[in-house]
Amino acid sequence: MEIKQYTVGPFAENTYLLTVDQKAILIDPGFFDPREFSVFKNDLKESGADLIAVCLTHAHVDHIMGLDKVLKEFDVPVYLNHSDLYLWKNYPDQATRFGFRTSGFDFTPKELAQQKDFSVGPFSFDVLFTPGHSPDHVSLYFPDQKTLIAGDTLFRESIGRTDLYKGDFDLLAQSIREKLYTLPDDTKVLSGHGPATSIGYEKSHNNFVKG
């Protein structure tokens, strides 16, 4: 599996393009500037892969602000956890708080519930429900690649903020300890912001949540 990372938008959010067997999925499209979106489109075209889905770790504005651009050009399903759809339904209000304007979306994404071996095309991964940063948050674990796409749950030597809607530090710490720190230590962690890390490194070096 090939993974491309795009650090995009005013929040320096990490968007990921995953490719396997000429199929691709996009995770957390945060494209803001049209040039950012063009880079992604060119990479996808050069790969020869077809985009088959968008998966969202959660529906905070910085992780979905590029979704409208994607859906205007690609007819693909969108997946999001349904534990709490408040952020999704109130995306325009979120955007306004940060000085952006959007009309939001007129559909509900497909359910991305906690489960093992979730499949979309040739991709198979475990969906881990990891609330605390947001109430709809999931992390995506690819056991064959020993890779975790952690969204805004776990960062290198840090964790996601808990001062937004339904943020809860204790719940976030529980999610990290029970769902993420139980993964193999050599699991690579790709976060929603900042550089990559590993589970073993965070268990030893993360001062917010000790392993």
Protein backbone atom coordinates (compact mmCIF):
# COMPACT_ATOMS: atom_id res chain seq x y z
CA MET A 1 0.00 0.00 0.00
CA GLU A 2 1.34 3.41 -0.98
CA ILE A 3 0.56 6.39 1.26
CA LYS A 4 0.93 10.01 0.23
CA GLN A 5 0.62 12.79 2.80
CA TYR A 6 -0.53 16.32 2.04
CA THR A 7 -0.16 18.99 4.73
CA VAL A 8 -2.85 21.47 3.75
CA GLY A 9 -5.01 24.39 4.75
CA PRO A 10 -4.60 27.11 7.37
CA PHE A 11 -4.50 24.47 10.13
CA ALA A 12 -1.63 22.47 8.55
CA GLU A 13 -3.86 19.39 8.53
CA ASN A 14 -2.56 16.09 7.18
CA THR A 15 -4.63 14.53 4.40
CA TYR A 16 -3.73 11.01 3.25
CA LEU A 17 -4.09 9.30 -0.12
CA LEU A 18 -3.84 5.51 0.05
CA THR A 19 -3.37 3.42 -3.09
CA VAL A 20 -3.60 -0.34 -3.62
CA ASP A 21 -4.04 -2.27 -6.87
CA GLN A 22 -5.00 0.82 -8.89
CA LYS A 23 -7.64 1.82 -6.34
CA ALA A 24 -7.39 4.73 -3.92
CA ILE A 25 -9.10 6.11 -0.84
CA LEU A 26 -8.72 9.62 0.56
CA ILE A 27 -8.68 10.24 4.29
CA ASP A 28 -9.63 13.61 5.83
CA PRO A 29 -9.56 15.95 2.80
CA GLY A 30 -8.53 19.30 4.25
CA PHE A 31 -7.71 21.03 0.96
CA PHE A 32 -8.27 24.79 1.21
CA ASP A 33 -6.22 26.38 -1.54
CA PRO A 34 -7.08 25.20 -5.10
CA ARG A 35 -3.38 24.57 -5.66
CA GLU A 36 -3.40 22.01 -2.85
CA PHE A 37 -6.27 20.19 -4.46
CA SER A 38 -4.52 20.27 -7.85
CA VAL A 39 -1.45 18.56 -6.41
CA PHE A 40 -3.65 15.73 -5.12
CA LYS A 41 -5.47 15.41 -8.46
CA ASN A 42 -2.22 15.27 -10.39
CA ASP A 43 -0.80 12.62 -8.08
CA LEU A 44 -3.95 10.54 -8.44
CA LYS A 45 -3.87 10.87 -12.23
CA GLU A 46 -0.21 9.93 -12.44
CA SER A 47 -0.80 6.88 -10.26
CA GLY A 48 -3.45 5.59 -12.66
CA ALA A 49 -5.63 4.70 -9.69
CA ASP A 50 -9.36 5.29 -9.35
CA LEU A 51 -10.61 7.07 -6.24
CA ILE A 52 -13.27 4.82 -4.69
CA ALA A 53 -14.05 6.39 -1.29
CA VAL A 54 -13.41 9.13 1.24
CA CYS A 55 -13.02 8.15 4.90
CA LEU A 56 -13.21 10.71 7.70
CA THR A 57 -11.66 10.24 11.13
CA HIS A 58 -14.02 12.96 12.38
CA ALA A 59 -15.94 15.98 11.12
CA HIS A 60 -14.02 18.96 12.46
CA VAL A 61 -13.78 21.74 9.91
CA ASP A 62 -10.08 21.32 9.15
CA HIS A 63 -10.58 17.67 8.21
CA ILE A 64 -13.51 18.15 5.84
CA MET A 65 -13.02 21.62 4.32
CA GLY A 66 -11.82 20.07 1.06
CA LEU A 67 -14.61 17.54 0.79
CA ASP A 68 -16.80 19.71 -1.43
CA LYS A 69 -13.95 20.03 -3.94
CA VAL A 70 -13.51 16.25 -3.98
CA LEU A 71 -17.20 15.51 -4.46
CA LYS A 72 -17.55 18.00 -7.30
CA GLU A 73 -15.10 15.93 -9.33
CA PHE A 74 -15.40 12.41 -7.96
CA ASP A 75 -18.62 10.45 -7.46
CA VAL A 76 -17.54 8.46 -4.42
CA PRO A 77 -19.09 7.47 -1.08
CA VAL A 78 -18.08 9.23 2.13
CA TYR A 79 -17.69 7.30 5.39
CA LEU A 80 -18.02 8.78 8.90
CA ASN A 81 -18.79 7.39 12.33
CA HIS A 82 -22.42 8.01 13.34
CA SER A 83 -22.00 8.07 17.12
CA ASP A 84 -22.63 11.82 17.10
CA LEU A 85 -23.37 13.68 13.85
CA TYR A 86 -23.54 17.13 15.43
CA LEU A 87 -20.25 18.30 13.91
CA TRP A 88 -21.25 17.04 10.46
CA LYS A 89 -24.67 18.64 10.59
CA ASN A 90 -23.28 21.91 11.91
CA TYR A 91 -20.32 22.20 9.57
CA PRO A 92 -21.42 25.66 8.31
CA ASP A 93 -21.44 26.97 11.90
CA GLN A 94 -18.01 25.48 12.51
CA ALA A 95 -16.69 27.18 9.39
CA THR A 96 -18.17 30.54 10.38
CA ARG A 97 -16.36 30.41 13.73
CA PHE A 98 -13.08 30.23 11.84
CA GLY A 99 -13.95 32.86 9.26
CA PHE A 100 -15.04 30.59 6.40
CA ARG A 101 -18.32 30.32 4.55
CA THR A 102 -19.88 27.08 3.36
CA SER A 103 -23.36 25.75 2.70
CA GLY A 104 -22.55 22.35 4.19
CA PHE A 105 -23.66 19.03 2.74
CA ASP A 106 -27.12 17.71 1.88
CA PHE A 107 -26.40 14.05 2.62
CA THR A 108 -25.43 11.82 5.53
CA PRO A 109 -22.20 9.85 5.08
CA LYS A 110 -22.19 6.08 5.16
CA GLU A 111 -21.62 4.60 8.61
CA LEU A 112 -18.05 3.95 9.69
CA ALA A 113 -18.76 1.99 12.86
CA GLN A 114 -16.19 0.39 15.12
CA GLN A 115 -15.33 -2.98 13.62
CA LYS A 116 -12.53 -5.27 12.57
CA ASP A 117 -11.71 -5.93 8.93
CA PHE A 118 -13.77 -3.12 7.43
CA SER A 119 -13.41 -3.42 3.66
CA VAL A 120 -13.77 -0.94 0.84
CA GLY A 121 -12.41 -2.17 -2.48
CA PRO A 122 -9.00 -3.78 -1.89
CA PHE A 123 -8.54 -1.94 1.42
CA SER A 124 -9.09 -3.70 4.73
CA PHE A 125 -8.59 -2.05 8.11
CA ASP A 126 -9.87 -2.00 11.67
CA VAL A 127 -12.05 0.92 12.70
CA LEU A 128 -11.24 1.91 16.30
CA PHE A 129 -13.72 4.20 18.07
CA THR A 130 -11.51 6.79 19.81
CA PRO A 131 -13.64 9.67 21.18
CA GLY A 132 -12.30 12.41 23.43
CA HIS A 133 -11.06 14.95 20.91
CA SER A 134 -14.46 14.76 19.23
CA PRO A 135 -17.47 12.53 19.89
CA ASP A 136 -17.43 10.99 16.40
CA HIS A 137 -13.71 10.20 16.24
CA VAL A 138 -12.33 6.96 14.83
CA SER A 139 -8.78 5.84 14.13
CA LEU A 140 -7.98 3.54 11.22
CA TYR A 141 -5.58 0.64 11.80
CA PHE A 142 -4.02 -1.27 8.91
CA PRO A 143 -2.52 -4.37 10.57
CA ASP A 144 -0.81 -5.74 7.45
CA GLN A 145 1.07 -2.45 7.03
CA LYS A 146 1.51 -1.87 10.78
CA THR A 147 0.12 1.60 10.24
CA LEU A 148 -2.40 3.65 12.22
CA ILE A 149 -4.08 6.75 10.85
CA ALA A 150 -4.85 8.41 14.16
CA GLY A 151 -6.60 11.61 13.13
CA ASP A 152 -6.47 14.06 16.03
CA THR A 153 -6.33 11.46 18.79
CA LEU A 154 -2.58 11.02 19.13
CA PHE A 155 0.28 13.24 17.93
CA ARG A 156 4.05 12.97 18.33
CA GLU A 157 4.56 13.74 22.04
CA SER A 158 1.08 15.27 22.22
CA ILE A 159 -2.64 14.56 21.96
CA GLY A 160 -5.70 16.17 20.42
CA ARG A 161 -7.23 19.23 22.06
CA THR A 162 -10.24 18.66 24.30
CA ASP A 163 -11.71 22.17 24.58
CA LEU A 164 -14.11 21.85 21.63
CA TYR A 165 -17.63 20.35 21.43
CA LYS A 166 -17.82 17.29 23.71
CA GLY A 167 -14.07 17.25 24.20
CA ASP A 168 -13.10 15.16 27.22
CA PHE A 169 -9.51 14.63 28.35
CA ASP A 170 -10.26 11.58 30.48
CA LEU A 171 -12.17 9.95 27.63
CA LEU A 172 -9.38 10.76 25.18
CA ALA A 173 -6.77 9.28 27.51
CA GLN A 174 -8.91 6.15 27.85
CA SER A 175 -9.23 5.87 24.07
CA ILE A 176 -5.47 6.15 23.66
CA ARG A 177 -4.62 3.64 26.39
CA GLU A 178 -7.27 1.06 25.50
CA LYS A 179 -7.43 1.33 21.71
CA LEU A 180 -4.04 2.66 20.57
CA TYR A 181 -1.43 1.72 23.17
CA THR A 182 -2.59 -1.89 22.89
CA LEU A 183 -1.35 -2.00 19.28
CA PRO A 184 2.17 -3.34 18.55
CA ASP A 185 4.93 -0.94 19.57
CA ASP A 186 6.32 -0.81 16.02
CA THR A 187 3.00 0.47 14.62
CA LYS A 188 3.61 3.64 12.60
CA VAL A 189 1.28 6.47 13.62
CA LEU A 190 0.18 8.98 10.97
CA SER A 191 -1.53 11.88 12.72
CA GLY A 192 -3.91 14.62 11.63
CA HIS A 193 -1.24 17.25 12.34
CA GLY A 194 2.52 17.12 12.67
CA PRO A 195 5.08 14.39 11.97
CA ALA A 196 4.69 10.64 12.09
CA THR A 197 5.51 8.71 15.22
CA SER A 198 5.07 5.18 16.58
CA ILE A 199 3.06 3.55 19.33
CA GLY A 200 6.18 2.46 21.19
CA TYR A 201 7.68 5.94 21.08
CA GLU A 202 4.52 7.57 22.41
CA LYS A 203 4.14 5.07 25.23
CA SER A 204 7.61 6.11 26.39
CA HIS A 205 7.69 9.81 25.50
CA ASN A 206 4.14 11.20 25.52
CA ASN A 207 3.80 13.25 28.71
CA PHE A 208 0.04 13.71 28.27
CA VAL A 209 -0.83 9.99 28.25
CA LYS A 210 1.76 7.59 29.63
CA GLY A 211 1.92 4.05 28.32
